N, C-alpha and C. Protein backbone atom coordinates (compact mmCIF):
# COMPACT_ATOMS: atom_id res chain seq x y z
N MET A 1 95.58 35.85 -27.20
CA MET A 1 95.92 36.94 -27.71
C MET A 1 96.10 38.01 -26.61
N ASN A 2 97.29 38.66 -26.55
CA ASN A 2 97.39 39.77 -25.46
C ASN A 2 97.73 41.07 -26.19
N ARG A 3 96.92 41.95 -25.84
CA ARG A 3 96.92 43.46 -26.45
C ARG A 3 98.25 44.13 -25.92
N LEU A 4 98.93 44.72 -26.75
CA LEU A 4 100.10 45.52 -26.37
C LEU A 4 99.83 47.01 -26.29
N PRO A 5 100.46 47.67 -25.42
CA PRO A 5 100.27 49.18 -25.42
C PRO A 5 100.81 49.84 -26.58
N PRO A 6 100.31 50.87 -27.07
CA PRO A 6 100.70 51.56 -28.28
C PRO A 6 102.14 51.98 -28.08
N ALA A 7 103.20 51.91 -28.92
CA ALA A 7 104.49 52.27 -28.73
C ALA A 7 104.73 53.74 -29.39
N PHE A 8 103.75 54.18 -30.31
CA PHE A 8 103.92 55.39 -30.99
C PHE A 8 102.62 55.91 -31.40
N ASP A 9 102.45 57.11 -31.81
CA ASP A 9 101.04 57.75 -32.03
C ASP A 9 100.68 57.45 -33.45
N GLU A 10 101.62 57.70 -34.51
CA GLU A 10 101.26 57.56 -35.86
C GLU A 10 102.18 56.31 -36.65
N VAL A 11 101.59 55.81 -37.55
CA VAL A 11 102.27 54.74 -38.35
C VAL A 11 102.14 55.22 -39.77
N VAL A 12 103.38 55.28 -40.72
CA VAL A 12 103.34 55.46 -41.93
C VAL A 12 103.60 54.15 -42.56
N LEU A 13 103.03 53.63 -43.52
CA LEU A 13 103.31 52.42 -44.36
C LEU A 13 103.84 52.73 -45.55
N ILE A 14 104.98 52.05 -46.02
CA ILE A 14 105.65 52.12 -47.29
C ILE A 14 105.71 50.82 -47.77
N CYS A 15 105.17 50.64 -49.05
CA CYS A 15 105.22 49.23 -49.72
C CYS A 15 106.68 49.07 -50.15
N ASN A 16 107.20 47.86 -49.69
CA ASN A 16 108.65 47.55 -50.17
C ASN A 16 108.67 46.17 -50.84
N ASN A 17 107.36 45.79 -51.43
CA ASN A 17 107.22 44.47 -52.07
C ASN A 17 108.18 44.43 -53.25
N THR A 18 108.86 43.36 -53.57
CA THR A 18 109.85 43.13 -54.68
C THR A 18 109.32 41.91 -55.31
N ARG A 19 109.15 42.11 -56.54
CA ARG A 19 108.95 40.77 -57.46
C ARG A 19 110.13 40.35 -58.17
N PRO A 20 110.13 39.15 -58.63
CA PRO A 20 111.22 38.57 -59.46
C PRO A 20 111.47 39.42 -60.65
N PRO A 21 112.71 39.50 -61.14
CA PRO A 21 112.96 40.14 -62.52
C PRO A 21 112.14 39.64 -63.61
N GLY A 22 111.61 40.59 -64.40
CA GLY A 22 110.82 40.11 -65.41
C GLY A 22 109.24 40.03 -65.14
N ALA A 23 108.95 40.32 -63.91
CA ALA A 23 107.57 40.02 -63.32
C ALA A 23 106.63 41.08 -64.17
N PRO A 24 105.43 40.68 -64.50
CA PRO A 24 104.59 41.85 -65.31
C PRO A 24 104.11 42.79 -64.49
N LYS A 25 104.22 42.84 -63.11
CA LYS A 25 103.62 43.96 -62.24
C LYS A 25 104.96 44.73 -61.83
N HIS A 26 104.57 46.00 -61.39
CA HIS A 26 105.69 46.86 -60.89
C HIS A 26 105.90 46.44 -59.43
N SER A 27 107.20 46.81 -58.93
CA SER A 27 107.47 46.42 -57.65
C SER A 27 108.05 47.78 -56.92
N CYS A 28 107.27 48.18 -55.80
CA CYS A 28 107.65 49.36 -55.21
C CYS A 28 109.05 49.27 -54.47
N GLY A 29 109.38 47.99 -54.00
CA GLY A 29 110.80 47.74 -53.64
C GLY A 29 111.93 48.14 -54.57
N ASP A 30 111.63 47.95 -55.83
CA ASP A 30 112.71 48.45 -56.82
C ASP A 30 112.77 49.81 -57.28
N HIS A 31 111.84 50.56 -56.42
CA HIS A 31 111.92 52.02 -56.85
C HIS A 31 112.14 53.02 -55.73
N GLY A 32 112.94 52.42 -54.67
CA GLY A 32 113.37 53.29 -53.63
C GLY A 32 112.75 53.39 -52.32
N ALA A 33 111.85 52.35 -51.95
CA ALA A 33 111.04 52.34 -50.91
C ALA A 33 112.02 52.15 -49.58
N TRP A 34 112.93 51.34 -49.60
CA TRP A 34 113.84 51.02 -48.58
C TRP A 34 114.75 52.25 -48.22
N GLU A 35 115.27 52.95 -49.23
CA GLU A 35 116.06 54.10 -49.26
C GLU A 35 115.26 55.26 -48.72
N LEU A 36 113.93 55.31 -49.14
CA LEU A 36 113.17 56.40 -48.45
C LEU A 36 112.87 56.22 -46.99
N ARG A 37 112.68 55.01 -46.63
CA ARG A 37 112.38 54.79 -45.12
C ARG A 37 113.80 55.17 -44.41
N LYS A 38 114.78 54.76 -44.97
CA LYS A 38 116.16 55.08 -44.20
C LYS A 38 116.26 56.54 -43.94
N TRP A 39 116.05 57.29 -44.94
CA TRP A 39 116.22 58.76 -45.00
C TRP A 39 115.25 59.35 -44.15
N LEU A 40 113.90 59.05 -44.16
CA LEU A 40 112.98 59.48 -43.24
C LEU A 40 113.20 59.20 -41.88
N LYS A 41 113.60 57.86 -41.52
CA LYS A 41 114.07 57.60 -40.10
C LYS A 41 115.33 58.50 -39.69
N ARG A 42 116.14 58.82 -40.53
CA ARG A 42 117.23 59.69 -40.10
C ARG A 42 116.78 61.04 -39.77
N GLU A 43 116.03 61.49 -40.71
CA GLU A 43 115.52 63.01 -40.52
C GLU A 43 114.51 63.13 -39.40
N LEU A 44 113.62 62.03 -39.25
CA LEU A 44 112.77 62.13 -37.99
C LEU A 44 113.50 61.96 -36.54
N LYS A 45 114.46 61.29 -36.59
CA LYS A 45 115.38 61.09 -35.33
C LYS A 45 115.78 62.58 -35.01
N LYS A 46 116.51 63.18 -36.13
CA LYS A 46 117.01 64.42 -35.87
C LYS A 46 116.15 65.49 -35.14
N GLU A 47 114.79 65.27 -35.61
CA GLU A 47 113.77 66.18 -35.17
C GLU A 47 113.00 65.68 -33.73
N GLY A 48 113.42 64.33 -33.23
CA GLY A 48 112.93 63.94 -32.06
C GLY A 48 111.52 63.28 -32.29
N LEU A 49 111.03 63.14 -33.61
CA LEU A 49 109.69 62.62 -33.93
C LEU A 49 109.80 60.88 -33.89
N TRP A 50 110.86 60.36 -34.18
CA TRP A 50 110.90 58.91 -34.39
C TRP A 50 110.88 58.38 -32.99
N GLY A 51 110.11 57.29 -32.87
CA GLY A 51 109.86 56.55 -31.64
C GLY A 51 108.55 56.70 -31.02
N GLU A 52 108.29 57.58 -30.13
CA GLU A 52 106.91 57.78 -29.48
C GLU A 52 105.94 58.35 -30.57
N LYS A 53 106.30 59.33 -31.25
CA LYS A 53 105.45 60.08 -32.26
C LYS A 53 105.18 59.24 -33.40
N VAL A 54 106.07 58.69 -34.13
CA VAL A 54 105.85 58.05 -35.50
C VAL A 54 106.76 56.93 -35.67
N ARG A 55 106.36 55.96 -36.53
CA ARG A 55 107.24 54.99 -36.99
C ARG A 55 106.90 54.89 -38.51
N VAL A 56 107.69 54.70 -39.29
CA VAL A 56 107.62 54.52 -40.86
C VAL A 56 107.98 53.05 -40.98
N VAL A 57 106.99 52.17 -41.45
CA VAL A 57 107.06 50.77 -41.44
C VAL A 57 107.09 50.34 -43.02
N LEU A 58 107.95 49.51 -43.30
CA LEU A 58 107.97 48.92 -44.71
C LEU A 58 106.94 47.70 -44.66
N THR A 59 106.24 47.63 -45.65
CA THR A 59 105.31 46.53 -45.73
C THR A 59 105.51 45.73 -46.92
N SER A 60 104.79 44.65 -46.93
CA SER A 60 104.70 43.78 -48.25
C SER A 60 103.57 44.46 -49.08
N CYS A 61 103.24 43.79 -50.28
CA CYS A 61 102.33 44.52 -51.27
C CYS A 61 101.01 45.02 -50.49
N LEU A 62 100.70 46.28 -50.89
CA LEU A 62 99.57 46.84 -50.46
C LEU A 62 98.32 46.54 -51.45
N ASP A 63 98.55 45.86 -52.39
CA ASP A 63 97.54 45.52 -53.48
C ASP A 63 97.20 46.74 -54.17
N PHE A 64 98.08 47.68 -54.54
CA PHE A 64 97.83 48.71 -55.44
C PHE A 64 99.10 49.01 -56.12
N CYS A 65 99.26 48.46 -57.40
CA CYS A 65 100.53 48.50 -57.88
C CYS A 65 100.52 49.60 -59.17
N PRO A 66 101.03 50.65 -58.91
CA PRO A 66 101.21 51.64 -60.03
C PRO A 66 102.28 51.10 -60.96
N SER A 67 102.35 51.78 -62.08
CA SER A 67 103.38 51.52 -63.16
C SER A 67 104.72 52.09 -62.70
N GLU A 68 104.69 52.99 -61.76
CA GLU A 68 106.05 53.49 -61.21
C GLU A 68 105.90 53.96 -59.96
N GLY A 69 106.86 54.37 -59.19
CA GLY A 69 106.62 54.93 -57.86
C GLY A 69 106.48 53.91 -56.78
N VAL A 70 106.10 54.52 -55.57
CA VAL A 70 106.11 53.74 -54.41
C VAL A 70 104.72 53.99 -53.68
N VAL A 71 104.01 53.12 -53.24
CA VAL A 71 102.69 53.25 -52.56
C VAL A 71 102.98 53.44 -51.08
N CYS A 72 102.28 54.34 -50.60
CA CYS A 72 102.39 54.89 -49.18
C CYS A 72 101.06 55.22 -48.72
N SER A 73 101.06 54.97 -47.23
CA SER A 73 99.76 55.35 -46.61
C SER A 73 100.19 56.24 -45.19
N PHE A 74 99.52 57.43 -45.07
CA PHE A 74 99.81 58.11 -43.95
C PHE A 74 98.71 57.93 -42.82
N ASP A 75 97.68 57.00 -43.08
CA ASP A 75 96.54 56.81 -42.13
C ASP A 75 96.30 55.32 -42.03
N ARG A 76 97.35 54.49 -41.71
CA ARG A 76 97.33 53.21 -41.34
C ARG A 76 96.64 52.30 -42.46
N GLY A 77 96.71 52.59 -43.72
CA GLY A 77 96.26 51.86 -44.85
C GLY A 77 94.66 52.15 -45.20
N ARG A 78 94.16 53.26 -44.72
CA ARG A 78 92.77 53.52 -45.09
C ARG A 78 92.82 54.31 -46.45
N SER A 79 93.93 54.99 -46.75
CA SER A 79 94.16 55.62 -48.03
C SER A 79 95.51 55.37 -48.51
N LEU A 80 95.76 55.34 -49.82
CA LEU A 80 96.94 55.22 -50.39
C LEU A 80 97.24 56.21 -51.35
N VAL A 81 98.53 56.60 -51.50
CA VAL A 81 99.08 57.50 -52.45
C VAL A 81 100.36 56.87 -53.21
N LYS A 82 100.53 57.35 -54.35
CA LYS A 82 101.75 56.99 -55.12
C LYS A 82 102.77 58.07 -54.92
N ILE A 83 103.97 57.77 -54.67
CA ILE A 83 104.96 58.95 -54.53
C ILE A 83 106.19 58.36 -55.22
N ASP A 84 106.97 59.38 -55.54
CA ASP A 84 108.36 59.10 -56.06
C ASP A 84 109.41 59.25 -55.02
N ALA A 85 109.97 58.21 -54.65
CA ALA A 85 110.87 58.08 -53.34
C ALA A 85 111.90 59.07 -53.43
N GLN A 86 112.39 59.69 -54.53
CA GLN A 86 113.44 60.76 -54.48
C GLN A 86 112.62 62.07 -54.45
N THR A 87 111.92 62.42 -55.45
CA THR A 87 111.50 63.78 -55.63
C THR A 87 110.38 64.09 -54.65
N ASP A 88 109.76 63.24 -54.18
CA ASP A 88 108.53 63.44 -53.10
C ASP A 88 108.95 63.35 -51.68
N ARG A 89 110.21 63.07 -51.40
CA ARG A 89 110.55 62.57 -49.86
C ARG A 89 110.50 63.84 -49.07
N GLU A 90 110.77 65.03 -49.63
CA GLU A 90 110.62 66.26 -48.51
C GLU A 90 109.01 66.36 -48.36
N ILE A 91 108.16 66.19 -49.38
CA ILE A 91 106.67 66.22 -49.13
C ILE A 91 106.23 65.14 -48.25
N VAL A 92 106.81 63.97 -48.20
CA VAL A 92 106.34 63.00 -47.39
C VAL A 92 106.83 63.22 -45.89
N LEU A 93 108.11 63.88 -45.82
CA LEU A 93 108.52 64.32 -44.40
C LEU A 93 107.73 65.42 -43.78
N GLU A 94 107.25 66.34 -44.75
CA GLU A 94 106.34 67.49 -44.21
C GLU A 94 105.02 66.89 -43.72
N ARG A 95 104.45 65.83 -44.56
CA ARG A 95 103.11 65.30 -44.18
C ARG A 95 103.29 64.59 -42.82
N ILE A 96 104.50 63.85 -42.57
CA ILE A 96 104.62 63.08 -41.41
C ILE A 96 104.79 64.26 -40.11
N ARG A 97 105.41 65.30 -40.54
CA ARG A 97 105.40 66.45 -39.46
C ARG A 97 103.90 66.89 -38.95
N GLU A 98 103.21 67.12 -40.08
CA GLU A 98 101.90 67.33 -39.89
C GLU A 98 101.07 66.45 -39.05
N LEU A 99 101.27 65.14 -39.30
CA LEU A 99 100.64 64.02 -38.50
C LEU A 99 100.95 64.16 -37.08
N CYS A 100 102.42 64.51 -36.79
CA CYS A 100 102.74 64.43 -35.44
C CYS A 100 102.37 65.83 -34.71
N GLY A 101 101.87 66.72 -35.40
CA GLY A 101 101.30 67.92 -34.70
C GLY A 101 102.36 68.86 -34.30
């Protein structure tokens, strides 16, 4: 195994897991995770934060399935929050700005 140098300072994880139709558990991927990441990437690029400062990464299941919303982590998975991909996106962007200092 060869260690790679860090490419960015911060990593934000967004669950994008999608289950088959009719599955008994919620799927973050069906509630705007991909669209949220796309929007965040565009906004962070405008501010010059995307790249060396931060990356927003879509993940598979983070094993915390709320009944609605999207699971997100601002500290590389040490803690998780549930967000609404539409109404909370400005709050998520502000939190990422704070991470980037």
